[in-house]
Amino acid sequence: MQDMPRPDDFTIDGQVFQVLINAEEQYSIWPAGQPAPEGWAQVGPAGAKAECLAYVDANWLDMRPKSLRDSMQAAVAARGG
């Protein structure tokens, strides 16, 4: 019988991860051997945890969800800005 993964197994350095993004342009890392959760797609590298986190740090420059950024931009445009 194969051991069930423990909740902390996904945080162990040395495991291969993948970088994911959702429709709100939010990033996450996920174990490469696991299918991405619904609503998430792979983007960027698959590799060491540190490599994936570096990609997220370099690419996720605005933490606001896309819908909020779009709404704020529309409000500015409506005011004539």
PDB file of N, CA and C in Angstrom:
ATOM      1  N   MET A   1       0.845  -1.184   0.000  1.00  0.00           N
ATOM      2  CA  MET A   1       0.000   0.000   0.000  1.00  0.00           C
ATOM      3  C   MET A   1       0.887   1.242   0.000  1.00  0.00           C
ATOM      4  N   GLN A   2       0.605   2.148  -0.905  1.00  0.00           N
ATOM      5  CA  GLN A   2       1.398   3.373  -1.026  1.00  0.00           C
ATOM      6  C   GLN A   2       0.989   4.363   0.059  1.00  0.00           C
ATOM      7  N   ASP A   3       1.990   5.050   0.628  1.00  0.00           N
ATOM      8  CA  ASP A   3       1.700   6.056   1.646  1.00  0.00           C
ATOM      9  C   ASP A   3       0.938   7.220   1.042  1.00  0.00           C
ATOM     10  N   MET A   4      -0.020   7.732   1.783  1.00  0.00           N
ATOM     11  CA  MET A   4      -0.744   8.931   1.361  1.00  0.00           C
ATOM     12  C   MET A   4       0.157  10.135   1.612  1.00  0.00           C
ATOM     13  N   PRO A   5       0.153  11.133   0.718  1.00  0.00           N
ATOM     14  CA  PRO A   5       0.973  12.315   0.944  1.00  0.00           C
ATOM     15  C   PRO A   5       0.506  13.069   2.182  1.00  0.00           C
ATOM     16  N   ARG A   6       1.438  13.530   2.951  1.00  0.00           N
ATOM     17  CA  ARG A   6       1.126  14.368   4.110  1.00  0.00           C
ATOM     18  C   ARG A   6       0.918  15.789   3.625  1.00  0.00           C
ATOM     19  N   PRO A   7       0.134  16.604   4.343  1.00  0.00           N
ATOM     20  CA  PRO A   7      -0.086  17.989   3.913  1.00  0.00           C
ATOM     21  C   PRO A   7       1.203  18.776   3.722  1.00  0.00           C
ATOM     22  N   ASP A   8       2.232  18.485   4.512  1.00  0.00           N
ATOM     23  CA  ASP A   8       3.474  19.244   4.390  1.00  0.00           C
ATOM     24  C   ASP A   8       4.400  18.709   3.312  1.00  0.00           C
ATOM     25  N   ASP A   9       4.023  17.629   2.637  1.00  0.00           N
ATOM     26  CA  ASP A   9       4.865  17.091   1.562  1.00  0.00           C
ATOM     27  C   ASP A   9       5.048  18.103   0.435  1.00  0.00           C
ATOM     28  N   PHE A  10       4.089  18.994   0.247  1.00  0.00           N
ATOM     29  CA  PHE A  10       4.142  19.939  -0.850  1.00  0.00           C
ATOM     30  C   PHE A  10       5.083  21.102  -0.575  1.00  0.00           C
ATOM     31  N   THR A  11       5.654  21.177   0.607  1.00  0.00           N
ATOM     32  CA  THR A  11       6.549  22.276   0.939  1.00  0.00           C
ATOM     33  C   THR A  11       8.004  21.829   1.029  1.00  0.00           C
ATOM     34  N   ILE A  12       8.274  20.588   0.753  1.00  0.00           N
ATOM     35  CA  ILE A  12       9.626  20.060   0.890  1.00  0.00           C
ATOM     36  C   ILE A  12      10.494  20.544  -0.266  1.00  0.00           C
ATOM     37  N   ASP A  13      11.602  21.205   0.059  1.00  0.00           N
ATOM     38  CA  ASP A  13      12.544  21.627  -0.976  1.00  0.00           C
ATOM     39  C   ASP A  13      13.125  20.389  -1.654  1.00  0.00           C
ATOM     40  N   GLY A  14      13.440  20.505  -2.917  1.00  0.00           N
ATOM     41  CA  GLY A  14      13.979  19.390  -3.676  1.00  0.00           C
ATOM     42  C   GLY A  14      12.923  18.744  -4.556  1.00  0.00           C
ATOM     43  N   GLN A  15      11.669  18.965  -4.245  1.00  0.00           N
ATOM     44  CA  GLN A  15      10.584  18.452  -5.075  1.00  0.00           C
ATOM     45  C   GLN A  15      10.464  19.334  -6.321  1.00  0.00           C
ATOM     46  N   VAL A  16       9.984  18.781  -7.405  1.00  0.00           N
ATOM     47  CA  VAL A  16       9.792  19.549  -8.633  1.00  0.00           C
ATOM     48  C   VAL A  16       8.426  20.233  -8.574  1.00  0.00           C
ATOM     49  N   PHE A  17       8.424  21.524  -8.825  1.00  0.00           N
ATOM     50  CA  PHE A  17       7.207  22.321  -8.814  1.00  0.00           C
ATOM     51  C   PHE A  17       6.955  22.894 -10.197  1.00  0.00           C
ATOM     52  N   GLN A  18       5.745  23.401 -10.395  1.00  0.00           N
ATOM     53  CA  GLN A  18       5.397  24.142 -11.602  1.00  0.00           C
ATOM     54  C   GLN A  18       4.758  25.452 -11.159  1.00  0.00           C
ATOM     55  N   VAL A  19       4.858  26.467 -12.001  1.00  0.00           N
ATOM     56  CA  VAL A  19       4.245  27.755 -11.724  1.00  0.00           C
ATOM     57  C   VAL A  19       2.880  27.776 -12.407  1.00  0.00           C
ATOM     58  N   LEU A  20       1.869  28.196 -11.655  1.00  0.00           N
ATOM     59  CA  LEU A  20       0.509  28.278 -12.172  1.00  0.00           C
ATOM     60  C   LEU A  20       0.019  29.718 -12.146  1.00  0.00           C
ATOM     61  N   ILE A  21      -0.966  30.006 -12.999  1.00  0.00           N
ATOM     62  CA  ILE A  21      -1.624  31.307 -13.020  1.00  0.00           C
ATOM     63  C   ILE A  21      -3.125  31.057 -13.214  1.00  0.00           C
ATOM     64  N   ASN A  22      -3.944  31.948 -12.631  1.00  0.00           N
ATOM     65  CA  ASN A  22      -5.392  31.816 -12.824  1.00  0.00           C
ATOM     66  C   ASN A  22      -5.923  32.992 -13.638  1.00  0.00           C
ATOM     67  N   ALA A  23      -7.220  33.025 -13.854  1.00  0.00           N
ATOM     68  CA  ALA A  23      -7.835  34.064 -14.688  1.00  0.00           C
ATOM     69  C   ALA A  23      -7.678  35.457 -14.084  1.00  0.00           C
ATOM     70  N   GLU A  24      -7.464  35.544 -12.789  1.00  0.00           N
ATOM     71  CA  GLU A  24      -7.250  36.826 -12.118  1.00  0.00           C
ATOM     72  C   GLU A  24      -5.774  37.236 -12.142  1.00  0.00           C
ATOM     73  N   GLU A  25      -4.968  36.469 -12.879  1.00  0.00           N
ATOM     74  CA  GLU A  25      -3.523  36.700 -13.013  1.00  0.00           C
ATOM     75  C   GLU A  25      -2.806  36.636 -11.667  1.00  0.00           C
ATOM     76  N   GLN A  26      -3.268  35.717 -10.831  1.00  0.00           N
ATOM     77  CA  GLN A  26      -2.615  35.418  -9.564  1.00  0.00           C
ATOM     78  C   GLN A  26      -1.752  34.182  -9.783  1.00  0.00           C
ATOM     79  N   TYR A  27      -0.597  34.150  -9.156  1.00  0.00           N
ATOM     80  CA  TYR A  27       0.356  33.059  -9.338  1.00  0.00           C
ATOM     81  C   TYR A  27       0.382  32.137  -8.130  1.00  0.00           C
ATOM     82  N   SER A  28       0.808  30.917  -8.378  1.00  0.00           N
ATOM     83  CA  SER A  28       1.010  29.934  -7.327  1.00  0.00           C
ATOM     84  C   SER A  28       2.045  28.931  -7.814  1.00  0.00           C
ATOM     85  N   ILE A  29       2.613  28.187  -6.895  1.00  0.00           N
ATOM     86  CA  ILE A  29       3.426  27.040  -7.294  1.00  0.00           C
ATOM     87  C   ILE A  29       2.692  25.790  -6.840  1.00  0.00           C
ATOM     88  N   TRP A  30       2.927  24.708  -7.565  1.00  0.00           N
ATOM     89  CA  TRP A  30       2.178  23.472  -7.358  1.00  0.00           C
ATOM     90  C   TRP A  30       3.103  22.306  -7.675  1.00  0.00           C
ATOM     91  N   PRO A  31       2.980  21.200  -6.975  1.00  0.00           N
ATOM     92  CA  PRO A  31       3.818  20.041  -7.300  1.00  0.00           C
ATOM     93  C   PRO A  31       3.642  19.634  -8.762  1.00  0.00           C
ATOM     94  N   ALA A  32       4.743  19.461  -9.469  1.00  0.00           N
ATOM     95  CA  ALA A  32       4.699  19.180 -10.907  1.00  0.00           C
ATOM     96  C   ALA A  32       4.017  17.855 -11.219  1.00  0.00           C
ATOM     97  N   GLY A  33       4.036  16.923 -10.323  1.00  0.00           N
ATOM     98  CA  GLY A  33       3.414  15.627 -10.563  1.00  0.00           C
ATOM     99  C   GLY A  33       1.917  15.613 -10.332  1.00  0.00           C
ATOM    100  N   GLN A  34       1.359  16.710  -9.889  1.00  0.00           N
ATOM    101  CA  GLN A  34      -0.072  16.800  -9.606  1.00  0.00           C
ATOM    102  C   GLN A  34      -0.769  17.617 -10.689  1.00  0.00           C
ATOM    103  N   PRO A  35      -1.958  17.239 -11.091  1.00  0.00           N
ATOM    104  CA  PRO A  35      -2.680  18.067 -12.064  1.00  0.00           C
ATOM    105  C   PRO A  35      -3.021  19.414 -11.438  1.00  0.00           C
ATOM    106  N   ALA A  36      -2.989  20.446 -12.251  1.00  0.00           N
ATOM    107  CA  ALA A  36      -3.325  21.783 -11.768  1.00  0.00           C
ATOM    108  C   ALA A  36      -4.793  21.813 -11.347  1.00  0.00           C
ATOM    109  N   PRO A  37      -5.105  22.541 -10.276  1.00  0.00           N
ATOM    110  CA  PRO A  37      -6.502  22.664  -9.878  1.00  0.00           C
ATOM    111  C   PRO A  37      -7.316  23.361 -10.967  1.00  0.00           C
ATOM    112  N   GLU A  38      -8.615  23.141 -10.952  1.00  0.00           N
ATOM    113  CA  GLU A  38      -9.502  23.773 -11.931  1.00  0.00           C
ATOM    114  C   GLU A  38      -9.345  25.293 -11.857  1.00  0.00           C
ATOM    115  N   GLY A  39      -9.241  25.919 -13.030  1.00  0.00           N
ATOM    116  CA  GLY A  39      -9.102  27.364 -13.088  1.00  0.00           C
ATOM    117  C   GLY A  39      -7.662  27.848 -13.102  1.00  0.00           C
ATOM    118  N   TRP A  40      -6.723  26.940 -13.016  1.00  0.00           N
ATOM    119  CA  TRP A  40      -5.305  27.290 -13.007  1.00  0.00           C
ATOM    120  C   TRP A  40      -4.626  26.653 -14.212  1.00  0.00           C
ATOM    121  N   ALA A  41      -3.628  27.341 -14.768  1.00  0.00           N
ATOM    122  CA  ALA A  41      -2.882  26.828 -15.915  1.00  0.00           C
ATOM    123  C   ALA A  41      -1.394  27.013 -15.668  1.00  0.00           C
ATOM    124  N   GLN A  42      -0.598  26.101 -16.206  1.00  0.00           N
ATOM    125  CA  GLN A  42       0.842  26.220 -16.044  1.00  0.00           C
ATOM    126  C   GLN A  42       1.364  27.374 -16.883  1.00  0.00           C
ATOM    127  N   VAL A  43       2.265  28.122 -16.290  1.00  0.00           N
ATOM    128  CA  VAL A  43       2.958  29.220 -16.965  1.00  0.00           C
ATOM    129  C   VAL A  43       4.371  29.242 -16.381  1.00  0.00           C
ATOM    130  N   GLY A  44       5.338  29.586 -17.178  1.00  0.00           N
ATOM    131  CA  GLY A  44       6.694  29.655 -16.637  1.00  0.00           C
ATOM    132  C   GLY A  44       7.310  28.290 -16.435  1.00  0.00           C
ATOM    133  N   PRO A  45       8.323  28.244 -15.590  1.00  0.00           N
ATOM    134  CA  PRO A  45       9.125  27.021 -15.474  1.00  0.00           C
ATOM    135  C   PRO A  45       8.505  25.958 -14.587  1.00  0.00           C
ATOM    136  N   ALA A  46       9.020  24.768 -14.751  1.00  0.00           N
ATOM    137  CA  ALA A  46       8.830  23.688 -13.793  1.00  0.00           C
ATOM    138  C   ALA A  46      10.241  23.346 -13.328  1.00  0.00           C
ATOM    139  N   GLY A  47      10.421  23.256 -12.039  1.00  0.00           N
ATOM    140  CA  GLY A  47      11.755  22.966 -11.520  1.00  0.00           C
ATOM    141  C   GLY A  47      11.788  23.062 -10.013  1.00  0.00           C
ATOM    142  N   ALA A  48      12.926  23.443  -9.506  1.00  0.00           N
ATOM    143  CA  ALA A  48      13.108  23.561  -8.063  1.00  0.00           C
ATOM    144  C   ALA A  48      12.191  24.641  -7.501  1.00  0.00           C
ATOM    145  N   LYS A  49      11.828  24.479  -6.249  1.00  0.00           N
ATOM    146  CA  LYS A  49      10.948  25.431  -5.587  1.00  0.00           C
ATOM    147  C   LYS A  49      11.507  26.847  -5.679  1.00  0.00           C
ATOM    148  N   ALA A  50      12.796  27.015  -5.436  1.00  0.00           N
ATOM    149  CA  ALA A  50      13.423  28.343  -5.470  1.00  0.00           C
ATOM    150  C   ALA A  50      13.332  28.963  -6.865  1.00  0.00           C
ATOM    151  N   GLU A  51      13.513  28.158  -7.902  1.00  0.00           N
ATOM    152  CA  GLU A  51      13.419  28.656  -9.282  1.00  0.00           C
ATOM    153  C   GLU A  51      11.997  29.137  -9.584  1.00  0.00           C
ATOM    154  N   CYS A  52      11.012  28.355  -9.164  1.00  0.00           N
ATOM    155  CA  CYS A  52       9.616  28.726  -9.407  1.00  0.00           C
ATOM    156  C   CYS A  52       9.240  29.981  -8.617  1.00  0.00           C
ATOM    157  N   LEU A  53       9.677  30.073  -7.379  1.00  0.00           N
ATOM    158  CA  LEU A  53       9.382  31.263  -6.578  1.00  0.00           C
ATOM    159  C   LEU A  53      10.056  32.498  -7.150  1.00  0.00           C
ATOM    160  N   ALA A  54      11.254  32.354  -7.699  1.00  0.00           N
ATOM    161  CA  ALA A  54      11.940  33.477  -8.337  1.00  0.00           C
ATOM    162  C   ALA A  54      11.156  33.959  -9.551  1.00  0.00           C
ATOM    163  N   TYR A  55      10.591  33.025 -10.321  1.00  0.00           N
ATOM    164  CA  TYR A  55       9.769  33.399 -11.471  1.00  0.00           C
ATOM    165  C   TYR A  55       8.535  34.180 -11.001  1.00  0.00           C
ATOM    166  N   VAL A  56       7.889  33.703  -9.965  1.00  0.00           N
ATOM    167  CA  VAL A  56       6.705  34.391  -9.436  1.00  0.00           C
ATOM    168  C   VAL A  56       7.095  35.795  -8.972  1.00  0.00           C
ATOM    169  N   ASP A  57       8.176  35.914  -8.225  1.00  0.00           N
ATOM    170  CA  ASP A  57       8.628  37.224  -7.742  1.00  0.00           C
ATOM    171  C   ASP A  57       8.913  38.189  -8.891  1.00  0.00           C
ATOM    172  N   ALA A  58       9.480  37.689  -9.981  1.00  0.00           N
ATOM    173  CA  ALA A  58       9.843  38.541 -11.112  1.00  0.00           C
ATOM    174  C   ALA A  58       8.643  38.916 -11.982  1.00  0.00           C
ATOM    175  N   ASN A  59       7.569  38.121 -11.931  1.00  0.00           N
ATOM    176  CA  ASN A  59       6.455  38.327 -12.852  1.00  0.00           C
ATOM    177  C   ASN A  59       5.150  38.789 -12.210  1.00  0.00           C
ATOM    178  N   TRP A  60       4.977  38.569 -10.922  1.00  0.00           N
ATOM    179  CA  TRP A  60       3.742  38.981 -10.257  1.00  0.00           C
ATOM    180  C   TRP A  60       4.017  40.311  -9.572  1.00  0.00           C
ATOM    181  N   LEU A  61       3.958  41.370 -10.358  1.00  0.00           N
ATOM    182  CA  LEU A  61       4.374  42.685  -9.883  1.00  0.00           C
ATOM    183  C   LEU A  61       3.240  43.468  -9.223  1.00  0.00           C
ATOM    184  N   ASP A  62       2.020  43.120  -9.516  1.00  0.00           N
ATOM    185  CA  ASP A  62       0.857  43.808  -8.950  1.00  0.00           C
ATOM    186  C   ASP A  62      -0.037  42.743  -8.329  1.00  0.00           C
ATOM    187  N   MET A  63      -0.132  42.742  -7.018  1.00  0.00           N
ATOM    188  CA  MET A  63      -0.850  41.690  -6.305  1.00  0.00           C
ATOM    189  C   MET A  63      -2.369  41.812  -6.416  1.00  0.00           C
ATOM    190  N   ARG A  64      -2.853  42.928  -6.929  1.00  0.00           N
ATOM    191  CA  ARG A  64      -4.303  43.081  -7.050  1.00  0.00           C
ATOM    192  C   ARG A  64      -4.836  42.133  -8.122  1.00  0.00           C
ATOM    193  N   PRO A  65      -6.001  41.509  -7.869  1.00  0.00           N
ATOM    194  CA  PRO A  65      -6.598  40.655  -8.903  1.00  0.00           C
ATOM    195  C   PRO A  65      -6.892  41.468 -10.163  1.00  0.00           C
ATOM    196  N   LYS A  66      -6.862  40.808 -11.320  1.00  0.00           N
ATOM    197  CA  LYS A  66      -7.083  41.477 -12.602  1.00  0.00           C
ATOM    198  C   LYS A  66      -8.417  42.213 -12.629  1.00  0.00           C
ATOM    199  N   SER A  67      -9.463  41.613 -12.078  1.00  0.00           N
ATOM    200  CA  SER A  67     -10.775  42.266 -12.096  1.00  0.00           C
ATOM    201  C   SER A  67     -10.751  43.582 -11.324  1.00  0.00           C
ATOM    202  N   LEU A  68     -10.019  43.649 -10.234  1.00  0.00           N
ATOM    203  CA  LEU A  68      -9.904  44.895  -9.474  1.00  0.00           C
ATOM    204  C   LEU A  68      -9.104  45.931 -10.255  1.00  0.00           C
ATOM    205  N   ARG A  69      -7.995  45.520 -10.866  1.00  0.00           N
ATOM    206  CA  ARG A  69      -7.192  46.453 -11.670  1.00  0.00           C
ATOM    207  C   ARG A  69      -8.027  47.021 -12.816  1.00  0.00           C
ATOM    208  N   ASP A  70      -8.778  46.149 -13.499  1.00  0.00           N
ATOM    209  CA  ASP A  70      -9.621  46.591 -14.613  1.00  0.00           C
ATOM    210  C   ASP A  70     -10.694  47.564 -14.139  1.00  0.00           C
ATOM    211  N   SER A  71     -11.307  47.258 -13.014  1.00  0.00           N
ATOM    212  CA  SER A  71     -12.348  48.120 -12.461  1.00  0.00           C
ATOM    213  C   SER A  71     -11.788  49.492 -12.084  1.00  0.00           C
ATOM    214  N   MET A  72     -10.618  49.506 -11.465  1.00  0.00           N
ATOM    215  CA  MET A  72      -9.993  50.770 -11.078  1.00  0.00           C
ATOM    216  C   MET A  72      -9.606  51.587 -12.319  1.00  0.00           C
ATOM    217  N   GLN A  73      -9.103  50.905 -13.335  1.00  0.00           N
ATOM    218  CA  GLN A  73      -8.726  51.587 -14.576  1.00  0.00           C
ATOM    219  C   GLN A  73      -9.967  52.166 -15.262  1.00  0.00           C
ATOM    220  N   ALA A  74     -11.072  51.438 -15.254  1.00  0.00           N
ATOM    221  CA  ALA A  74     -12.317  51.934 -15.855  1.00  0.00           C
ATOM    222  C   ALA A  74     -12.839  53.140 -15.100  1.00  0.00           C
ATOM    223  N   ALA A  75     -12.699  53.142 -13.786  1.00  0.00           N
ATOM    224  CA  ALA A  75     -13.158  54.270 -12.976  1.00  0.00           C
ATOM    225  C   ALA A  75     -12.328  55.521 -13.294  1.00  0.00           C
ATOM    226  N   VAL A  76     -11.040  55.366 -13.460  1.00  0.00           N
ATOM    227  CA  VAL A  76     -10.169  56.482 -13.814  1.00  0.00           C
ATOM    228  C   VAL A  76     -10.535  57.008 -15.204  1.00  0.00           C
ATOM    229  N   ALA A  77     -10.762  56.111 -16.148  1.00  0.00           N
ATOM    230  CA  ALA A  77     -11.128  56.515 -17.499  1.00  0.00           C
ATOM    231  C   ALA A  77     -12.467  57.242 -17.512  1.00  0.00           C
ATOM    232  N   ALA A  78     -13.407  56.793 -16.681  1.00  0.00           N
ATOM    233  CA  ALA A  78     -14.726  57.429 -16.628  1.00  0.00           C
ATOM    234  C   ALA A  78     -14.652  58.852 -16.084  1.00  0.00           C
ATOM    235  N   ARG A  79     -13.659  59.103 -15.235  1.00  0.00           N
ATOM    236  CA  ARG A  79     -13.460  60.451 -14.687  1.00  0.00           C
ATOM    237  C   ARG A  79     -12.680  61.326 -15.657  1.00  0.00           C
ATOM    238  N   GLY A  80     -12.260  60.750 -16.763  1.00  0.00           N
ATOM    239  CA  GLY A  80     -11.514  61.513 -17.755  1.00  0.00           C
ATOM    240  C   GLY A  80     -10.018  61.548 -17.494  1.00  0.00           C
ATOM    241  N   GLY A  81      -9.534  60.580 -16.684  1.00  0.00           N
ATOM    242  CA  GLY A  81      -8.107  60.568 -16.347  1.00  0.00           C
ATOM    243  C   GLY A  81      -7.372  59.679 -17.181  1.00  0.00           C
TER     244      GLY A  81
END
